[in-house]
């Protein structure tokens, strides 16, 4: 058992860290309010410093206490813990206002909650167990998106050259259609395009169902395994 299990994984410490994670996300949201006074913004900035200090100490302690440190550093929680504090330190040398992605990385802190929730831990376990099958499903999905974009470009380019000027533009339509979202900003007007869209919609229902069923099966297996391990033992 690692040293960290004697401290950070205890209910009180875990609960305090979970509350701090939620508070930091709320503070980040408050920073986007345009009507905030300079005094409130300074208070939020000080709170962010406090949060980063705590999360940095947590990261360093978990790294110190990990039996296999490289495994922790490159593991899911190690990467999440690092990304949760990385924007702050980068902000000391880089203007994050010009790099929005780095600021958005602060929201990665929500993933830290997975460490303290049994249901989220089951989801993570199921995801790891089915990663190979899900990867194949994502490859199939990518191929389907490209074929859908290629097909609709062929049918609609001449009729709507401004909306389907290239296959890359058609990919936006493909994503919206295959995901069954259908924003309605781009749609086929030719007979061939509409017939093609019908078949894409029908096929996409099955494509989307594949990773869903794979993950659901893996999650059910994890639940059964945990239920079997926690069941009453015979005396």
C-alpha atoms as a PDB file:
ATOM      1  CA  UNK A   1       0.000   0.000   0.000  1.00  0.00           C
ATOM      2  CA  UNK A   2       1.347   3.442  -0.903  1.00  0.00           C
ATOM      3  CA  UNK A   3       2.093   6.107   1.664  1.00  0.00           C
ATOM      4  CA  UNK A   4      -0.504   8.423   0.172  1.00  0.00           C
ATOM      5  CA  UNK A   5      -3.282   6.009   1.157  1.00  0.00           C
ATOM      6  CA  UNK A   6      -2.632   6.943   4.802  1.00  0.00           C
ATOM      7  CA  UNK A   7      -3.336  10.615   4.198  1.00  0.00           C
ATOM      8  CA  UNK A   8      -4.710  11.926   0.901  1.00  0.00           C
ATOM      9  CA  UNK A   9      -7.070   9.006   0.373  1.00  0.00           C
ATOM     10  CA  UNK A  10      -8.708   9.281   3.776  1.00  0.00           C
ATOM     11  CA  UNK A  11     -12.339  10.492   3.663  1.00  0.00           C
ATOM     12  CA  UNK A  12     -11.628  13.877   5.284  1.00  0.00           C
ATOM     13  CA  UNK A  13      -8.683  14.744   3.031  1.00  0.00           C
ATOM     14  CA  UNK A  14     -10.413  13.393  -0.073  1.00  0.00           C
ATOM     15  CA  UNK A  15     -13.574  15.342   0.723  1.00  0.00           C
ATOM     16  CA  UNK A  16     -11.640  18.557   1.300  1.00  0.00           C
ATOM     17  CA  UNK A  17      -9.796  18.172  -2.008  1.00  0.00           C
ATOM     18  CA  UNK A  18     -13.047  17.445  -3.838  1.00  0.00           C
ATOM     19  CA  UNK A  19     -14.624  20.605  -2.416  1.00  0.00           C
ATOM     20  CA  UNK A  20     -11.551  22.608  -3.382  1.00  0.00           C
ATOM     21  CA  UNK A  21     -11.787  21.280  -6.937  1.00  0.00           C
ATOM     22  CA  UNK A  22     -15.416  22.382  -7.208  1.00  0.00           C
ATOM     23  CA  UNK A  23     -14.631  25.759  -5.635  1.00  0.00           C
ATOM     24  CA  UNK A  24     -11.797  26.369  -8.102  1.00  0.00           C
ATOM     25  CA  UNK A  25     -14.082  25.610 -11.048  1.00  0.00           C
ATOM     26  CA  UNK A  26     -16.724  27.994  -9.693  1.00  0.00           C
ATOM     27  CA  UNK A  27     -14.055  30.674  -9.224  1.00  0.00           C
ATOM     28  CA  UNK A  28     -12.886  30.175 -12.800  1.00  0.00           C
ATOM     29  CA  UNK A  29     -16.460  30.681 -13.990  1.00  0.00           C
ATOM     30  CA  UNK A  30     -16.830  33.836 -11.906  1.00  0.00           C
ATOM     31  CA  UNK A  31     -13.736  35.302 -13.546  1.00  0.00           C
ATOM     32  CA  UNK A  32     -15.632  35.435 -16.838  1.00  0.00           C
ATOM     33  CA  UNK A  33     -18.232  37.877 -15.469  1.00  0.00           C
ATOM     34  CA  UNK A  34     -17.559  41.284 -17.066  1.00  0.00           C
ATOM     35  CA  UNK A  35     -19.150  43.228 -14.194  1.00  0.00           C
ATOM     36  CA  UNK A  36     -16.749  42.020 -11.495  1.00  0.00           C
ATOM     37  CA  UNK A  37     -14.960  44.719  -9.545  1.00  0.00           C
ATOM     38  CA  UNK A  38     -11.179  44.827  -9.456  1.00  0.00           C
ATOM     39  CA  UNK A  39     -11.254  43.917  -5.774  1.00  0.00           C
ATOM     40  CA  UNK A  40     -13.213  40.733  -6.426  1.00  0.00           C
ATOM     41  CA  UNK A  41     -10.895  39.833  -9.282  1.00  0.00           C
ATOM     42  CA  UNK A  42      -7.901  40.251  -6.991  1.00  0.00           C
ATOM     43  CA  UNK A  43      -9.564  37.982  -4.433  1.00  0.00           C
ATOM     44  CA  UNK A  44     -10.213  35.348  -7.088  1.00  0.00           C
ATOM     45  CA  UNK A  45      -6.594  35.606  -8.227  1.00  0.00           C
ATOM     46  CA  UNK A  46      -5.375  35.044  -4.664  1.00  0.00           C
ATOM     47  CA  UNK A  47      -7.722  32.082  -4.316  1.00  0.00           C
ATOM     48  CA  UNK A  48      -6.309  30.635  -7.536  1.00  0.00           C
ATOM     49  CA  UNK A  49      -2.805  30.917  -6.075  1.00  0.00           C
ATOM     50  CA  UNK A  50      -3.968  29.072  -2.956  1.00  0.00           C
ATOM     51  CA  UNK A  51      -5.602  26.347  -5.052  1.00  0.00           C
ATOM     52  CA  UNK A  52      -2.480  25.874  -7.153  1.00  0.00           C
ATOM     53  CA  UNK A  53      -0.284  25.668  -4.050  1.00  0.00           C
ATOM     54  CA  UNK A  54      -2.527  22.951  -2.591  1.00  0.00           C
ATOM     55  CA  UNK A  55      -2.741  21.013  -5.858  1.00  0.00           C
ATOM     56  CA  UNK A  56       1.016  21.314  -6.368  1.00  0.00           C
ATOM     57  CA  UNK A  57       1.647  19.954  -2.885  1.00  0.00           C
ATOM     58  CA  UNK A  58      -0.803  17.133  -3.610  1.00  0.00           C
ATOM     59  CA  UNK A  59       0.950  16.290  -6.874  1.00  0.00           C
ATOM     60  CA  UNK A  60       4.396  16.301  -5.277  1.00  0.00           C
ATOM     61  CA  UNK A  61       3.215  14.168  -2.356  1.00  0.00           C
ATOM     62  CA  UNK A  62       1.521  11.615  -4.603  1.00  0.00           C
ATOM     63  CA  UNK A  63       4.649  11.494  -6.752  1.00  0.00           C
ATOM     64  CA  UNK A  64       6.804  10.955  -3.663  1.00  0.00           C
ATOM     65  CA  UNK A  65       4.498   8.291  -2.243  1.00  0.00           C
ATOM     66  CA  UNK A  66       3.883   6.402  -5.490  1.00  0.00           C
ATOM     67  CA  UNK A  67       5.507   2.932  -5.512  1.00  0.00           C
ATOM     68  CA  UNK A  68       6.214   3.350  -9.253  1.00  0.00           C
ATOM     69  CA  UNK A  69       6.775   7.043  -9.908  1.00  0.00           C
ATOM     70  CA  UNK A  70       7.095   6.887 -13.678  1.00  0.00           C
ATOM     71  CA  UNK A  71       3.854   4.949 -13.832  1.00  0.00           C
ATOM     72  CA  UNK A  72       2.171   7.681 -11.793  1.00  0.00           C
ATOM     73  CA  UNK A  73       3.624  10.511 -13.901  1.00  0.00           C
ATOM     74  CA  UNK A  74       2.405   9.001 -17.169  1.00  0.00           C
ATOM     75  CA  UNK A  75      -0.773   7.508 -15.734  1.00  0.00           C
ATOM     76  CA  UNK A  76      -4.221   9.048 -16.079  1.00  0.00           C
ATOM     77  CA  UNK A  77      -4.355  10.704 -12.657  1.00  0.00           C
ATOM     78  CA  UNK A  78      -0.753  11.866 -12.842  1.00  0.00           C
ATOM     79  CA  UNK A  79      -1.400  13.623 -16.144  1.00  0.00           C
ATOM     80  CA  UNK A  80      -4.651  15.125 -14.848  1.00  0.00           C
ATOM     81  CA  UNK A  81      -2.949  16.384 -11.682  1.00  0.00           C
ATOM     82  CA  UNK A  82      -0.189  17.989 -13.754  1.00  0.00           C
ATOM     83  CA  UNK A  83      -2.570  19.613 -16.251  1.00  0.00           C
ATOM     84  CA  UNK A  84      -4.585  21.010 -13.337  1.00  0.00           C
ATOM     85  CA  UNK A  85      -1.665  23.205 -12.258  1.00  0.00           C
ATOM     86  CA  UNK A  86       0.287  23.623 -15.497  1.00  0.00           C
ATOM     87  CA  UNK A  87      -1.664  26.662 -16.833  1.00  0.00           C
ATOM     88  CA  UNK A  88      -0.832  28.674 -13.712  1.00  0.00           C
ATOM     89  CA  UNK A  89       2.927  28.155 -14.007  1.00  0.00           C
ATOM     90  CA  UNK A  90       2.880  28.728 -17.757  1.00  0.00           C
ATOM     91  CA  UNK A  91       0.953  31.922 -17.093  1.00  0.00           C
ATOM     92  CA  UNK A  92       3.945  33.259 -15.189  1.00  0.00           C
ATOM     93  CA  UNK A  93       5.943  33.378 -18.424  1.00  0.00           C
ATOM     94  CA  UNK A  94       3.245  33.411 -21.135  1.00  0.00           C
ATOM     95  CA  UNK A  95       0.173  35.598 -21.561  1.00  0.00           C
ATOM     96  CA  UNK A  96      -2.589  32.988 -21.370  1.00  0.00           C
ATOM     97  CA  UNK A  97      -5.147  35.443 -22.699  1.00  0.00           C
ATOM     98  CA  UNK A  98      -3.686  34.847 -26.138  1.00  0.00           C
ATOM     99  CA  UNK A  99      -3.651  31.057 -25.681  1.00  0.00           C
ATOM    100  CA  UNK A 100      -7.199  30.091 -24.765  1.00  0.00           C
ATOM    101  CA  UNK A 101      -6.493  26.372 -24.792  1.00  0.00           C
ATOM    102  CA  UNK A 102      -4.144  26.692 -21.822  1.00  0.00           C
ATOM    103  CA  UNK A 103      -6.790  28.568 -19.840  1.00  0.00           C
ATOM    104  CA  UNK A 104      -9.375  25.938 -20.682  1.00  0.00           C
ATOM    105  CA  UNK A 105      -6.999  23.313 -19.267  1.00  0.00           C
ATOM    106  CA  UNK A 106      -7.942  24.590 -15.821  1.00  0.00           C
ATOM    107  CA  UNK A 107     -11.267  22.827 -16.302  1.00  0.00           C
ATOM    108  CA  UNK A 108      -9.333  19.548 -16.351  1.00  0.00           C
ATOM    109  CA  UNK A 109      -9.504  19.827 -12.578  1.00  0.00           C
ATOM    110  CA  UNK A 110     -13.000  18.375 -12.775  1.00  0.00           C
ATOM    111  CA  UNK A 111     -11.428  15.087 -13.863  1.00  0.00           C
ATOM    112  CA  UNK A 112      -9.649  14.963 -10.514  1.00  0.00           C
ATOM    113  CA  UNK A 113     -13.039  14.226  -8.966  1.00  0.00           C
ATOM    114  CA  UNK A 114     -12.921  10.772 -10.547  1.00  0.00           C
ATOM    115  CA  UNK A 115     -10.362   9.783  -7.934  1.00  0.00           C
ATOM    116  CA  UNK A 116     -12.860  10.358  -5.126  1.00  0.00           C
ATOM    117  CA  UNK A 117     -16.032   8.847  -6.629  1.00  0.00           C
ATOM    118  CA  UNK A 118     -16.648   5.097  -6.850  1.00  0.00           C
ATOM    119  CA  UNK A 119     -19.014   5.414  -9.808  1.00  0.00           C
ATOM    120  CA  UNK A 120     -16.499   7.478 -11.779  1.00  0.00           C
ATOM    121  CA  UNK A 121     -13.787   4.977 -10.908  1.00  0.00           C
ATOM    122  CA  UNK A 122     -15.954   2.228 -12.390  1.00  0.00           C
ATOM    123  CA  UNK A 123     -16.339   4.290 -15.565  1.00  0.00           C
ATOM    124  CA  UNK A 124     -12.566   4.723 -15.797  1.00  0.00           C
ATOM    125  CA  UNK A 125     -12.008   0.997 -15.248  1.00  0.00           C
ATOM    126  CA  UNK A 126     -14.559   0.123 -17.932  1.00  0.00           C
ATOM    127  CA  UNK A 127     -12.910   2.575 -20.314  1.00  0.00           C
ATOM    128  CA  UNK A 128      -9.500   0.985 -19.797  1.00  0.00           C
ATOM    129  CA  UNK A 129     -10.949  -2.515 -20.206  1.00  0.00           C
ATOM    130  CA  UNK A 130     -12.583  -1.679 -23.534  1.00  0.00           C
ATOM    131  CA  UNK A 131      -9.979   0.723 -24.944  1.00  0.00           C
ATOM    132  CA  UNK A 132      -8.924  -1.573 -27.814  1.00  0.00           C
ATOM    133  CA  UNK A 133     -12.485  -2.154 -28.990  1.00  0.00           C
ATOM    134  CA  UNK A 134     -13.310   1.532 -28.607  1.00  0.00           C
ATOM    135  CA  UNK A 135     -10.234   2.457 -30.630  1.00  0.00           C
ATOM    136  CA  UNK A 136     -11.419   0.226 -33.475  1.00  0.00           C
ATOM    137  CA  UNK A 137     -14.856   1.842 -33.224  1.00  0.00           C
ATOM    138  CA  UNK A 138     -13.305   5.298 -33.473  1.00  0.00           C
ATOM    139  CA  UNK A 139     -11.385   4.242 -36.579  1.00  0.00           C
ATOM    140  CA  UNK A 140     -14.616   2.973 -38.145  1.00  0.00           C
ATOM    141  CA  UNK A 141     -16.317   6.234 -37.201  1.00  0.00           C
ATOM    142  CA  UNK A 142     -13.513   8.288 -38.768  1.00  0.00           C
ATOM    143  CA  UNK A 143     -13.770   6.287 -41.987  1.00  0.00           C
ATOM    144  CA  UNK A 144     -17.552   6.722 -42.018  1.00  0.00           C
ATOM    145  CA  UNK A 145     -17.197  10.478 -41.542  1.00  0.00           C
ATOM    146  CA  UNK A 146     -14.779  10.748 -44.441  1.00  0.00           C
ATOM    147  CA  UNK A 147     -16.968   8.647 -46.736  1.00  0.00           C
ATOM    148  CA  UNK A 148     -20.023  10.712 -45.787  1.00  0.00           C
ATOM    149  CA  UNK A 149     -18.138  13.947 -46.470  1.00  0.00           C
ATOM    150  CA  UNK A 150     -16.836  12.635 -49.791  1.00  0.00           C
ATOM    151  CA  UNK A 151     -20.289  11.494 -50.864  1.00  0.00           C
ATOM    152  CA  UNK A 152     -22.151  14.680 -49.978  1.00  0.00           C
ATOM    153  CA  UNK A 153     -19.430  16.752 -51.640  1.00  0.00           C
ATOM    154  CA  UNK A 154     -19.947  14.765 -54.830  1.00  0.00           C
ATOM    155  CA  UNK A 155     -23.715  15.354 -54.785  1.00  0.00           C
ATOM    156  CA  UNK A 156     -23.862  18.948 -53.525  1.00  0.00           C
ATOM    157  CA  UNK A 157     -20.725  20.745 -54.691  1.00  0.00           C
ATOM    158  CA  UNK A 158     -22.179  21.925 -57.995  1.00  0.00           C
ATOM    159  CA  UNK A 159     -25.509  22.948 -56.441  1.00  0.00           C
ATOM    160  CA  UNK A 160     -24.020  24.653 -53.354  1.00  0.00           C
ATOM    161  CA  UNK A 161     -20.390  25.558 -54.076  1.00  0.00           C
ATOM    162  CA  UNK A 162     -20.365  28.089 -51.234  1.00  0.00           C
ATOM    163  CA  UNK A 163     -21.354  25.514 -48.581  1.00  0.00           C
ATOM    164  CA  UNK A 164     -19.644  22.439 -50.000  1.00  0.00           C
ATOM    165  CA  UNK A 165     -16.560  24.016 -51.515  1.00  0.00           C
ATOM    166  CA  UNK A 166     -14.320  21.129 -50.415  1.00  0.00           C
ATOM    167  CA  UNK A 167     -14.414  17.807 -48.607  1.00  0.00           C
ATOM    168  CA  UNK A 168     -13.144  19.590 -45.510  1.00  0.00           C
ATOM    169  CA  UNK A 169     -16.221  21.830 -45.537  1.00  0.00           C
ATOM    170  CA  UNK A 170     -18.368  18.756 -46.092  1.00  0.00           C
ATOM    171  CA  UNK A 171     -16.874  17.189 -42.950  1.00  0.00           C
ATOM    172  CA  UNK A 172     -18.854  19.659 -40.831  1.00  0.00           C
ATOM    173  CA  UNK A 173     -22.066  18.364 -42.407  1.00  0.00           C
ATOM    174  CA  UNK A 174     -20.846  14.780 -41.936  1.00  0.00           C
ATOM    175  CA  UNK A 175     -20.171  15.262 -38.222  1.00  0.00           C
ATOM    176  CA  UNK A 176     -23.562  16.899 -37.639  1.00  0.00           C
ATOM    177  CA  UNK A 177     -25.350  14.185 -39.612  1.00  0.00           C
ATOM    178  CA  UNK A 178     -23.550  11.073 -38.370  1.00  0.00           C
ATOM    179  CA  UNK A 179     -23.882  12.259 -34.768  1.00  0.00           C
ATOM    180  CA  UNK A 180     -27.605  12.841 -35.502  1.00  0.00           C
ATOM    181  CA  UNK A 181     -27.311  16.393 -34.159  1.00  0.00           C
ATOM    182  CA  UNK A 182     -28.339  18.040 -37.412  1.00  0.00           C
ATOM    183  CA  UNK A 183     -27.789  21.769 -36.852  1.00  0.00           C
ATOM    184  CA  UNK A 184     -29.595  22.627 -40.088  1.00  0.00           C
ATOM    185  CA  UNK A 185     -27.111  25.274 -41.209  1.00  0.00           C
ATOM    186  CA  UNK A 186     -25.904  23.041 -44.053  1.00  0.00           C
ATOM    187  CA  UNK A 187     -28.225  20.569 -45.758  1.00  0.00           C
ATOM    188  CA  UNK A 188     -28.591  18.883 -49.164  1.00  0.00           C
ATOM    189  CA  UNK A 189     -30.862  20.374 -51.822  1.00  0.00           C
ATOM    190  CA  UNK A 190     -30.368  17.872 -54.638  1.00  0.00           C
ATOM    191  CA  UNK A 191     -32.309  14.618 -54.927  1.00  0.00           C
ATOM    192  CA  UNK A 192     -29.118  12.585 -54.897  1.00  0.00           C
ATOM    193  CA  UNK A 193     -27.853  14.428 -51.841  1.00  0.00           C
ATOM    194  CA  UNK A 194     -31.078  13.834 -49.942  1.00  0.00           C
ATOM    195  CA  UNK A 195     -31.155  10.128 -50.771  1.00  0.00           C
ATOM    196  CA  UNK A 196     -27.508   9.858 -49.761  1.00  0.00           C
ATOM    197  CA  UNK A 197     -28.279  11.674 -46.498  1.00  0.00           C
ATOM    198  CA  UNK A 198     -31.066   9.187 -45.739  1.00  0.00           C
ATOM    199  CA  UNK A 199     -28.673   6.243 -46.002  1.00  0.00           C
ATOM    200  CA  UNK A 200     -26.030   8.083 -43.971  1.00  0.00           C
ATOM    201  CA  UNK A 201     -28.555   8.664 -41.171  1.00  0.00           C
ATOM    202  CA  UNK A 202     -29.637   5.015 -41.125  1.00  0.00           C
ATOM    203  CA  UNK A 203     -26.077   3.699 -41.118  1.00  0.00           C
ATOM    204  CA  UNK A 204     -24.904   6.258 -38.546  1.00  0.00           C
ATOM    205  CA  UNK A 205     -27.400   4.935 -35.994  1.00  0.00           C
ATOM    206  CA  UNK A 206     -25.585   1.605 -36.045  1.00  0.00           C
ATOM    207  CA  UNK A 207     -22.141   3.188 -36.038  1.00  0.00           C
ATOM    208  CA  UNK A 208     -22.912   5.303 -32.976  1.00  0.00           C
ATOM    209  CA  UNK A 209     -24.448   2.299 -31.214  1.00  0.00           C
ATOM    210  CA  UNK A 210     -21.264   0.207 -31.512  1.00  0.00           C
ATOM    211  CA  UNK A 211     -19.022   2.097 -29.017  1.00  0.00           C
ATOM    212  CA  UNK A 212     -22.023   2.676 -26.762  1.00  0.00           C
ATOM    213  CA  UNK A 213     -22.764  -1.043 -26.490  1.00  0.00           C
ATOM    214  CA  UNK A 214     -19.077  -1.901 -26.048  1.00  0.00           C
ATOM    215  CA  UNK A 215     -18.689   0.538 -23.176  1.00  0.00           C
ATOM    216  CA  UNK A 216     -21.989  -0.516 -21.580  1.00  0.00           C
ATOM    217  CA  UNK A 217     -20.918  -4.175 -21.673  1.00  0.00           C
ATOM    218  CA  UNK A 218     -17.557  -3.340 -20.106  1.00  0.00           C
ATOM    219  CA  UNK A 219     -19.222  -1.254 -17.396  1.00  0.00           C
ATOM    220  CA  UNK A 220     -21.627  -4.091 -16.583  1.00  0.00           C
ATOM    221  CA  UNK A 221     -18.696  -6.501 -16.314  1.00  0.00           C
ATOM    222  CA  UNK A 222     -16.907  -4.141 -13.913  1.00  0.00           C
ATOM    223  CA  UNK A 223     -20.002  -3.829 -11.728  1.00  0.00           C
ATOM    224  CA  UNK A 224     -20.441  -7.613 -11.601  1.00  0.00           C
ATOM    225  CA  UNK A 225     -16.766  -8.088 -10.750  1.00  0.00           C
ATOM    226  CA  UNK A 226     -16.906  -5.541  -7.924  1.00  0.00           C
ATOM    227  CA  UNK A 227     -20.177  -6.978  -6.627  1.00  0.00           C
ATOM    228  CA  UNK A 228     -18.632 -10.443  -6.566  1.00  0.00           C
ATOM    229  CA  UNK A 229     -15.577  -9.246  -4.656  1.00  0.00           C
ATOM    230  CA  UNK A 230     -17.647  -7.323  -2.105  1.00  0.00           C
ATOM    231  CA  UNK A 231     -20.222 -10.075  -1.580  1.00  0.00           C
ATOM    232  CA  UNK A 232     -20.611 -11.835   1.773  1.00  0.00           C
ATOM    233  CA  UNK A 233     -18.123 -14.610   2.330  1.00  0.00           C
ATOM    234  CA  UNK A 234     -19.144 -18.034   3.586  1.00  0.00           C
ATOM    235  CA  UNK A 235     -18.245 -18.899   7.150  1.00  0.00           C
END
